Amino acid sequence: MSWESTVEYYRLANELVRNRLGGVHSASILLDSMNFAVMEKLQSAGKWQEAGTMLAGKASALEAAGADMIVLCTNTMHIVADSIERAVKIPVLHIVDATSARITQAGLKRVGLLGTAFTMEHSFYRDRLSAAGVEAIVPERSDQATVHRIIYEELVRGIVSDESRAEYAAIMERLVEAGAQGIILGCTEIEMLVTPADSTVPLFPTTQIHIETAVEHAFH
């Protein structure tokens, strides 16, 4: 939920709408950009119910302001997606559903999952993928710690380094060796660091997939 990846959501949404409609068209967006420090504190304390209540309130406010669909611009906080869905009558476009659809379209069954420690350790993400027929494997513990550290100490602060890119590439290759046919970039900030050139298997960039799916839904 850092503004670093929110910028990407906003840019992609506007580019996709312009590409569809041409001219100077842009996306009609209601954006609640949160103070990430508040959410990070709740995450670290394991206060998921409190975080869910906060996000549900924000979703409800967006609905009241005229939103037709909710897009939660983060992977980790889909851990409380149910709380948000209960708070609104409009659709909540789940990031895992959008991603699993792309994986299925690609004909893959087993993928590696990179994300925050919360996304890799909790089962909410892997369970939803499994329900769609996709098995997700996560890095070993030491690699999980590296992935999480780079997200919170670098990416959410806008720091992108070649050294960290190389670390991610090595971790992804170990997942491939463990049987991954593709890699989910399951944290919206990871796309700032990793590109297809860094992987020997297909990547599934969740920020891009999520907003592409949202724009597709908005036009139907």
C-alpha atoms as a PDB file:
ATOM      1  CA  MET A   1       0.000   0.000   0.000  1.00  0.00           C
ATOM      2  CA  SER A   2       2.964   2.325  -0.334  1.00  0.00           C
ATOM      3  CA  TRP A   3       2.524   5.328  -2.609  1.00  0.00           C
ATOM      4  CA  GLU A   4       5.407   3.958  -4.677  1.00  0.00           C
ATOM      5  CA  SER A   5       3.225   1.189  -6.124  1.00  0.00           C
ATOM      6  CA  THR A   6       0.063   3.321  -6.016  1.00  0.00           C
ATOM      7  CA  VAL A   7       1.778   5.586  -8.551  1.00  0.00           C
ATOM      8  CA  GLU A   8       2.127   2.559 -10.842  1.00  0.00           C
ATOM      9  CA  TYR A   9      -1.538   1.638 -10.451  1.00  0.00           C
ATOM     10  CA  TYR A  10      -2.549   5.202 -11.294  1.00  0.00           C
ATOM     11  CA  ARG A  11      -0.196   5.482 -14.274  1.00  0.00           C
ATOM     12  CA  LEU A  12      -1.224   2.127 -15.737  1.00  0.00           C
ATOM     13  CA  ALA A  13      -4.948   2.798 -15.296  1.00  0.00           C
ATOM     14  CA  ASN A  14      -4.700   6.079 -17.169  1.00  0.00           C
ATOM     15  CA  GLU A  15      -2.496   4.646 -19.917  1.00  0.00           C
ATOM     16  CA  LEU A  16      -4.839   1.702 -20.448  1.00  0.00           C
ATOM     17  CA  VAL A  17      -7.909   3.940 -20.698  1.00  0.00           C
ATOM     18  CA  ARG A  18      -6.128   6.331 -23.069  1.00  0.00           C
ATOM     19  CA  ASN A  19      -5.040   3.405 -25.245  1.00  0.00           C
ATOM     20  CA  ARG A  20      -8.639   2.194 -25.455  1.00  0.00           C
ATOM     21  CA  LEU A  21     -10.348   5.537 -26.065  1.00  0.00           C
ATOM     22  CA  GLY A  22      -7.578   7.616 -27.624  1.00  0.00           C
ATOM     23  CA  GLY A  23      -7.105  11.361 -27.555  1.00  0.00           C
ATOM     24  CA  VAL A  24      -6.806  12.882 -24.103  1.00  0.00           C
ATOM     25  CA  HIS A  25      -9.023  10.346 -22.366  1.00  0.00           C
ATOM     26  CA  SER A  26      -7.984   9.248 -18.871  1.00  0.00           C
ATOM     27  CA  ALA A  27      -9.368   7.070 -16.111  1.00  0.00           C
ATOM     28  CA  SER A  28     -12.041   8.284 -13.700  1.00  0.00           C
ATOM     29  CA  ILE A  29     -10.552   7.330 -10.332  1.00  0.00           C
ATOM     30  CA  LEU A  30     -11.480   7.886  -6.702  1.00  0.00           C
ATOM     31  CA  LEU A  31      -8.268   7.321  -4.748  1.00  0.00           C
ATOM     32  CA  ASP A  32      -7.797   6.946  -1.007  1.00  0.00           C
ATOM     33  CA  SER A  33      -4.040   7.039  -0.522  1.00  0.00           C
ATOM     34  CA  MET A  34      -3.323   5.890   3.010  1.00  0.00           C
ATOM     35  CA  ASN A  35      -0.455   6.638   5.331  1.00  0.00           C
ATOM     36  CA  PHE A  36       1.463   3.395   4.882  1.00  0.00           C
ATOM     37  CA  ALA A  37       3.201   3.785   8.240  1.00  0.00           C
ATOM     38  CA  VAL A  38      -0.160   3.272   9.969  1.00  0.00           C
ATOM     39  CA  MET A  39      -0.857   0.068   8.055  1.00  0.00           C
ATOM     40  CA  GLU A  40       2.693  -1.230   8.481  1.00  0.00           C
ATOM     41  CA  LYS A  41       2.356  -0.826  12.249  1.00  0.00           C
ATOM     42  CA  LEU A  42      -0.874  -2.849  12.269  1.00  0.00           C
ATOM     43  CA  GLN A  43       0.717  -5.530  10.068  1.00  0.00           C
ATOM     44  CA  SER A  44       3.746  -5.872  12.329  1.00  0.00           C
ATOM     45  CA  ALA A  45       1.507  -6.132  15.409  1.00  0.00           C
ATOM     46  CA  GLY A  46      -0.698  -8.757  13.750  1.00  0.00           C
ATOM     47  CA  LYS A  47      -3.764  -6.529  14.195  1.00  0.00           C
ATOM     48  CA  TRP A  48      -5.492  -7.806  11.067  1.00  0.00           C
ATOM     49  CA  GLN A  49      -9.039  -7.293  12.355  1.00  0.00           C
ATOM     50  CA  GLU A  50      -8.328  -3.646  13.121  1.00  0.00           C
ATOM     51  CA  ALA A  51      -6.721  -3.220   9.706  1.00  0.00           C
ATOM     52  CA  GLY A  52      -9.721  -4.866   8.056  1.00  0.00           C
ATOM     53  CA  THR A  53     -12.133  -2.562   9.840  1.00  0.00           C
ATOM     54  CA  MET A  54     -10.118   0.466   8.734  1.00  0.00           C
ATOM     55  CA  LEU A  55     -10.014  -0.639   5.091  1.00  0.00           C
ATOM     56  CA  ALA A  56     -13.700  -1.590   5.129  1.00  0.00           C
ATOM     57  CA  GLY A  57     -14.531   1.945   6.254  1.00  0.00           C
ATOM     58  CA  LYS A  58     -12.454   3.441   3.466  1.00  0.00           C
ATOM     59  CA  ALA A  59     -14.056   1.164   0.873  1.00  0.00           C
ATOM     60  CA  SER A  60     -17.497   2.137   2.116  1.00  0.00           C
ATOM     61  CA  ALA A  61     -16.591   5.827   1.797  1.00  0.00           C
ATOM     62  CA  LEU A  62     -15.392   5.290  -1.771  1.00  0.00           C
ATOM     63  CA  GLU A  63     -18.656   3.519  -2.595  1.00  0.00           C
ATOM     64  CA  ALA A  64     -20.631   6.433  -1.125  1.00  0.00           C
ATOM     65  CA  ALA A  65     -18.567   8.819  -3.231  1.00  0.00           C
ATOM     66  CA  GLY A  66     -19.651   7.003  -6.403  1.00  0.00           C
ATOM     67  CA  ALA A  67     -17.139   4.205  -7.017  1.00  0.00           C
ATOM     68  CA  ASP A  68     -18.452   1.314  -9.130  1.00  0.00           C
ATOM     69  CA  MET A  69     -15.689  -1.095  -8.114  1.00  0.00           C
ATOM     70  CA  ILE A  70     -13.054  -1.398  -5.389  1.00  0.00           C
ATOM     71  CA  VAL A  71      -9.421  -2.167  -6.266  1.00  0.00           C
ATOM     72  CA  LEU A  72      -7.263  -2.787  -3.183  1.00  0.00           C
ATOM     73  CA  CYS A  73      -3.785  -1.797  -4.382  1.00  0.00           C
ATOM     74  CA  THR A  74      -1.824  -4.330  -2.364  1.00  0.00           C
ATOM     75  CA  ASN A  75      -1.389  -8.081  -2.165  1.00  0.00           C
ATOM     76  CA  THR A  76      -0.803  -8.446   1.561  1.00  0.00           C
ATOM     77  CA  MET A  77      -3.951  -6.663   2.686  1.00  0.00           C
ATOM     78  CA  HIS A  78      -6.136  -9.051   0.714  1.00  0.00           C
ATOM     79  CA  ILE A  79      -5.768 -11.046   3.907  1.00  0.00           C
ATOM     80  CA  VAL A  80      -8.748  -8.921   5.050  1.00  0.00           C
ATOM     81  CA  ALA A  81     -10.567  -8.825   1.695  1.00  0.00           C
ATOM     82  CA  ASP A  82     -13.602 -10.513   3.256  1.00  0.00           C
ATOM     83  CA  SER A  83     -14.050  -7.574   5.648  1.00  0.00           C
ATOM     84  CA  ILE A  84     -14.018  -5.154   2.737  1.00  0.00           C
ATOM     85  CA  GLU A  85     -16.434  -7.246   0.669  1.00  0.00           C
ATOM     86  CA  ARG A  86     -18.918  -7.328   3.548  1.00  0.00           C
ATOM     87  CA  ALA A  87     -18.812  -3.542   3.881  1.00  0.00           C
ATOM     88  CA  VAL A  88     -19.807  -2.668   0.304  1.00  0.00           C
ATOM     89  CA  LYS A  89     -22.366  -3.658  -2.313  1.00  0.00           C
ATOM     90  CA  ILE A  90     -20.092  -2.978  -5.296  1.00  0.00           C
ATOM     91  CA  PRO A  91     -17.572  -5.581  -6.552  1.00  0.00           C
ATOM     92  CA  VAL A  92     -14.147  -5.896  -4.915  1.00  0.00           C
ATOM     93  CA  LEU A  93     -11.723  -7.096  -7.589  1.00  0.00           C
ATOM     94  CA  HIS A  94      -9.556  -9.669  -5.800  1.00  0.00           C
ATOM     95  CA  ILE A  95      -5.917  -9.572  -6.860  1.00  0.00           C
ATOM     96  CA  VAL A  96      -5.479 -13.350  -6.503  1.00  0.00           C
ATOM     97  CA  ASP A  97      -8.445 -14.064  -8.759  1.00  0.00           C
ATOM     98  CA  ALA A  98      -7.045 -11.795 -11.460  1.00  0.00           C
ATOM     99  CA  THR A  99      -3.615 -13.395 -11.134  1.00  0.00           C
ATOM    100  CA  SER A 100      -4.811 -17.002 -11.059  1.00  0.00           C
ATOM    101  CA  ALA A 101      -6.824 -16.359 -14.233  1.00  0.00           C
ATOM    102  CA  ARG A 102      -3.638 -15.260 -16.030  1.00  0.00           C
ATOM    103  CA  ILE A 103      -1.717 -18.277 -14.756  1.00  0.00           C
ATOM    104  CA  THR A 104      -4.474 -20.617 -15.908  1.00  0.00           C
ATOM    105  CA  GLN A 105      -4.573 -18.906 -19.316  1.00  0.00           C
ATOM    106  CA  ALA A 106      -0.841 -19.558 -19.592  1.00  0.00           C
ATOM    107  CA  GLY A 107      -1.453 -23.251 -18.935  1.00  0.00           C
ATOM    108  CA  LEU A 108       0.683 -23.372 -15.796  1.00  0.00           C
ATOM    109  CA  LYS A 109      -0.085 -25.391 -12.675  1.00  0.00           C
ATOM    110  CA  ARG A 110       2.834 -24.738 -10.302  1.00  0.00           C
ATOM    111  CA  VAL A 111       4.278 -21.303  -9.593  1.00  0.00           C
ATOM    112  CA  GLY A 112       6.592 -19.613  -7.143  1.00  0.00           C
ATOM    113  CA  LEU A 113       5.204 -16.871  -4.907  1.00  0.00           C
ATOM    114  CA  LEU A 114       7.222 -13.831  -3.833  1.00  0.00           C
ATOM    115  CA  GLY A 115       5.749 -11.239  -1.509  1.00  0.00           C
ATOM    116  CA  THR A 116       5.886  -9.884   1.988  1.00  0.00           C
ATOM    117  CA  ALA A 117       6.463 -12.351   4.801  1.00  0.00           C
ATOM    118  CA  PHE A 118       2.744 -12.085   5.561  1.00  0.00           C
ATOM    119  CA  THR A 119       1.798 -13.105   2.022  1.00  0.00           C
ATOM    120  CA  MET A 120       4.302 -15.965   1.915  1.00  0.00           C
ATOM    121  CA  GLU A 121       3.650 -17.308   5.420  1.00  0.00           C
ATOM    122  CA  HIS A 122      -0.134 -17.003   5.685  1.00  0.00           C
ATOM    123  CA  SER A 123      -2.286 -19.377   3.673  1.00  0.00           C
ATOM    124  CA  PHE A 124      -4.858 -16.865   2.351  1.00  0.00           C
ATOM    125  CA  TYR A 125      -3.018 -16.372  -0.944  1.00  0.00           C
ATOM    126  CA  ARG A 126      -2.014 -19.976  -1.611  1.00  0.00           C
ATOM    127  CA  ASP A 127      -5.460 -21.283  -0.624  1.00  0.00           C
ATOM    128  CA  ARG A 128      -7.202 -19.021  -3.115  1.00  0.00           C
ATOM    129  CA  LEU A 129      -4.753 -20.018  -5.836  1.00  0.00           C
ATOM    130  CA  SER A 130      -5.305 -23.680  -4.968  1.00  0.00           C
ATOM    131  CA  ALA A 131      -9.064 -23.246  -5.318  1.00  0.00           C
ATOM    132  CA  ALA A 132      -8.372 -22.066  -8.883  1.00  0.00           C
ATOM    133  CA  GLY A 133      -6.223 -25.122  -9.602  1.00  0.00           C
ATOM    134  CA  VAL A 134      -2.840 -23.441  -9.136  1.00  0.00           C
ATOM    135  CA  GLU A 135      -0.201 -24.699  -6.694  1.00  0.00           C
ATOM    136  CA  ALA A 136       2.075 -22.033  -5.221  1.00  0.00           C
ATOM    137  CA  ILE A 137       5.433 -22.696  -3.591  1.00  0.00           C
ATOM    138  CA  VAL A 138       7.340 -20.162  -1.503  1.00  0.00           C
ATOM    139  CA  PRO A 139      11.068 -19.642  -0.940  1.00  0.00           C
ATOM    140  CA  GLU A 140      12.897 -21.188   1.988  1.00  0.00           C
ATOM    141  CA  ARG A 141      12.897 -19.183   5.219  1.00  0.00           C
ATOM    142  CA  SER A 142      16.173 -17.323   4.674  1.00  0.00           C
ATOM    143  CA  ASP A 143      15.096 -16.306   1.178  1.00  0.00           C
ATOM    144  CA  GLN A 144      11.708 -15.196   2.500  1.00  0.00           C
ATOM    145  CA  ALA A 145      13.504 -12.917   4.955  1.00  0.00           C
ATOM    146  CA  THR A 146      15.537 -11.401   2.122  1.00  0.00           C
ATOM    147  CA  VAL A 147      12.475 -10.808  -0.046  1.00  0.00           C
ATOM    148  CA  HIS A 148      10.597  -9.167   2.843  1.00  0.00           C
ATOM    149  CA  ARG A 149      13.555  -7.021   3.916  1.00  0.00           C
ATOM    150  CA  ILE A 150      14.071  -5.600   0.442  1.00  0.00           C
ATOM    151  CA  ILE A 151      10.376  -4.725   0.153  1.00  0.00           C
ATOM    152  CA  TYR A 152      10.153  -2.886   3.479  1.00  0.00           C
ATOM    153  CA  GLU A 153      13.630  -1.392   3.713  1.00  0.00           C
ATOM    154  CA  GLU A 154      14.052  -0.457   0.069  1.00  0.00           C
ATOM    155  CA  LEU A 155      11.134  -0.708  -2.364  1.00  0.00           C
ATOM    156  CA  VAL A 156       8.450   1.027  -0.298  1.00  0.00           C
ATOM    157  CA  ARG A 157      10.999   3.840   0.134  1.00  0.00           C
ATOM    158  CA  GLY A 158      11.631   4.061  -3.604  1.00  0.00           C
ATOM    159  CA  ILE A 159      15.096   2.460  -3.408  1.00  0.00           C
ATOM    160  CA  VAL A 160      15.871   0.181  -6.369  1.00  0.00           C
ATOM    161  CA  SER A 161      19.314  -1.430  -6.514  1.00  0.00           C
ATOM    162  CA  ASP A 162      21.107  -3.827  -8.838  1.00  0.00           C
ATOM    163  CA  GLU A 163      22.307  -5.796  -5.819  1.00  0.00           C
ATOM    164  CA  SER A 164      18.754  -6.472  -4.648  1.00  0.00           C
ATOM    165  CA  ARG A 165      17.677  -7.319  -8.190  1.00  0.00           C
ATOM    166  CA  ALA A 166      20.420  -9.948  -8.318  1.00  0.00           C
ATOM    167  CA  GLU A 167      19.268 -11.370  -4.973  1.00  0.00           C
ATOM    168  CA  TYR A 168      15.712 -11.678  -6.249  1.00  0.00           C
ATOM    169  CA  ALA A 169      16.909 -13.301  -9.472  1.00  0.00           C
ATOM    170  CA  ALA A 170      18.813 -15.923  -7.473  1.00  0.00           C
ATOM    171  CA  ILE A 171      15.803 -16.606  -5.259  1.00  0.00           C
ATOM    172  CA  MET A 172      13.541 -16.953  -8.290  1.00  0.00           C
ATOM    173  CA  GLU A 173      15.963 -19.417  -9.869  1.00  0.00           C
ATOM    174  CA  ARG A 174      15.895 -21.535  -6.704  1.00  0.00           C
ATOM    175  CA  LEU A 175      12.097 -21.618  -6.965  1.00  0.00           C
ATOM    176  CA  VAL A 176      12.434 -22.760 -10.584  1.00  0.00           C
ATOM    177  CA  GLU A 177      14.786 -25.513  -9.457  1.00  0.00           C
ATOM    178  CA  ALA A 178      12.074 -26.519  -6.943  1.00  0.00           C
ATOM    179  CA  GLY A 179       9.585 -26.936  -9.789  1.00  0.00           C
ATOM    180  CA  ALA A 180       8.067 -23.498 -10.341  1.00  0.00           C
ATOM    181  CA  GLN A 181       6.884 -23.004 -13.931  1.00  0.00           C
ATOM    182  CA  GLY A 182       6.378 -19.290 -13.365  1.00  0.00           C
ATOM    183  CA  ILE A 183       6.806 -16.667 -10.635  1.00  0.00           C
ATOM    184  CA  ILE A 184       4.115 -14.479  -9.065  1.00  0.00           C
ATOM    185  CA  LEU A 185       5.424 -11.046  -8.131  1.00  0.00           C
ATOM    186  CA  GLY A 186       3.026 -11.076  -5.211  1.00  0.00           C
ATOM    187  CA  CYS A 187       3.828  -7.679  -3.793  1.00  0.00           C
ATOM    188  CA  THR A 188       2.870  -4.613  -5.782  1.00  0.00           C
ATOM    189  CA  GLU A 189       6.267  -2.971  -5.206  1.00  0.00           C
ATOM    190  CA  ILE A 190       8.328  -5.871  -6.630  1.00  0.00           C
ATOM    191  CA  GLU A 191       7.629  -4.751 -10.211  1.00  0.00           C
ATOM    192  CA  MET A 192       9.760  -1.691  -9.488  1.00  0.00           C
ATOM    193  CA  LEU A 193      12.734  -4.052  -9.168  1.00  0.00           C
ATOM    194  CA  VAL A 194      12.164  -7.198 -11.224  1.00  0.00           C
ATOM    195  CA  THR A 195      11.575  -7.505 -14.971  1.00  0.00           C
ATOM    196  CA  PRO A 196      11.122 -10.536 -17.263  1.00  0.00           C
ATOM    197  CA  ALA A 197      14.834 -10.294 -18.090  1.00  0.00           C
ATOM    198  CA  ASP A 198      15.600 -11.325 -14.504  1.00  0.00           C
ATOM    199  CA  SER A 199      13.757 -14.658 -14.738  1.00  0.00           C
ATOM    200  CA  THR A 200      14.110 -17.860 -16.735  1.00  0.00           C
ATOM    201  CA  VAL A 201      10.354 -18.533 -16.458  1.00  0.00           C
ATOM    202  CA  PRO A 202       7.266 -16.335 -17.043  1.00  0.00           C
ATOM    203  CA  LEU A 203       6.534 -13.656 -14.469  1.00  0.00           C
ATOM    204  CA  PHE A 204       3.075 -12.700 -13.259  1.00  0.00           C
ATOM    205  CA  PRO A 205       3.294  -9.020 -12.199  1.00  0.00           C
ATOM    206  CA  THR A 206       0.291  -8.546  -9.949  1.00  0.00           C
ATOM    207  CA  THR A 207       0.110  -4.757 -10.140  1.00  0.00           C
ATOM    208  CA  GLN A 208      -0.127  -4.840 -13.913  1.00  0.00           C
ATOM    209  CA  ILE A 209      -2.472  -7.830 -13.975  1.00  0.00           C
ATOM    210  CA  HIS A 210      -4.748  -6.332 -11.312  1.00  0.00           C
ATOM    211  CA  ILE A 211      -5.217  -2.960 -12.990  1.00  0.00           C
ATOM    212  CA  GLU A 212      -5.520  -4.458 -16.480  1.00  0.00           C
ATOM    213  CA  THR A 213      -8.310  -6.669 -15.178  1.00  0.00           C
ATOM    214  CA  ALA A 214      -9.960  -3.712 -13.422  1.00  0.00           C
ATOM    215  CA  VAL A 215      -9.977  -1.621 -16.596  1.00  0.00           C
ATOM    216  CA  GLU A 216     -11.350  -4.582 -18.552  1.00  0.00           C
ATOM    217  CA  HIS A 217     -14.172  -4.922 -16.024  1.00  0.00           C
ATOM    218  CA  ALA A 218     -14.877  -1.196 -16.134  1.00  0.00           C
ATOM    219  CA  PHE A 219     -15.545  -1.372 -19.855  1.00  0.00           C
ATOM    220  CA  HIS A 220     -18.026  -4.234 -19.541  1.00  0.00           C
END
